[in-house]
Structures are given as C-alpha cells and as structure tokens.
Amino acid sequence: MTEKINRRAFLSKCFKSTAAIITLTACGKLTPFTFAQDNKEIQVDETRLISSIAVLAEKKAIPFVYKGKQSILLYNDGEYRAFENICTHKGGPTTLSNDKLVCKWHGAKFDTLTGEALTRPAPEKSKLPEIKLKIEGNDIYVVQEDVAAAI
C-alpha cells in the first residue's frame, strides 16, 4: 500500500536522504577506496587505490589487507612493490628496517624489490608472494589477479 505525501514531505525526505549520503561520504563510509595516509591497515579486495605516490614515498611502507591476508606496500629506490606480509619461515609479520623486510618473530630478512629470503631461518630461495600493482598518475592501485589476467 502506498501512502500519499505532499510536496513538502517529499522534499523533506529527499533533503534528509541527500544529507545522509553527504555525511556518510564525508566520513569515508561510502568511498570505494581509502587512502592509507595514517599508516593504518586498510581492506583491499579488488582493484583499489591504496596510496598516493607522495604518501608512500614519505612513509616507505604501508600495511594493508588483501584477500584476507596481511600485506605491505613498499617504496625503495623509485620502485613500488607489494607483498604478502607473512614470513616464509613460521608466518610471522615483517617490518621495514634498513631497506629490508625483517620478520618480527625470528629475524629472517627479505629483499624489498624481489621478496626473496636473504637470511635464515626463512627457507632458502623462498619468496614473499608479490601482489600486482598498477600506477595511474599519482596513485598506486592493487590489481586483483583475476582482473589482471583478463586484461
């Protein structure tokens, strides 16, 4: 059953809906992506903007979650890379230290350009899984593998 409303009530409902959308957008609740400017982890499940080049160049490393896994976006020598942030030894998290990713649990080191293990206890010749990136203008996007394969 539909109710009849007058013009004033209709405009009032439209105004309230528009105000709610503007408020949610301003609060970041309706945006399709989130900048990682405050170095907090962000959720990324498909092709999404994860940082601007300027922010990453300043911070050098930005953690994020991709497909449910802890990941890290890195800047080193003008190169941009993203890896799953899980040590190949026992699955511990890594952190950026002296241009290397270092496992917080046991100290294994990984190359920030290739993801290759440099020191034990990480298994020899193991690599952190790399996440595909796309640079457009001044923005860095994570590219979902299925999307990249279809292009």
Foldseek 3Di string as FASTA:
>chain_A
DDDDDDPVVVVVVVVVVVVVVVVCVVVVNPDPEDEQQPLDAEEDEAWYWHHFQVSCVVVQKHWYAYPNFIKIWGDDPNDIWMFRQFAQQHGAGWDDDPQWTFGPPPGFTAHPVFQATDDPPGDHRDGTHTFDWDDDDRTIITHDPVRVVVD
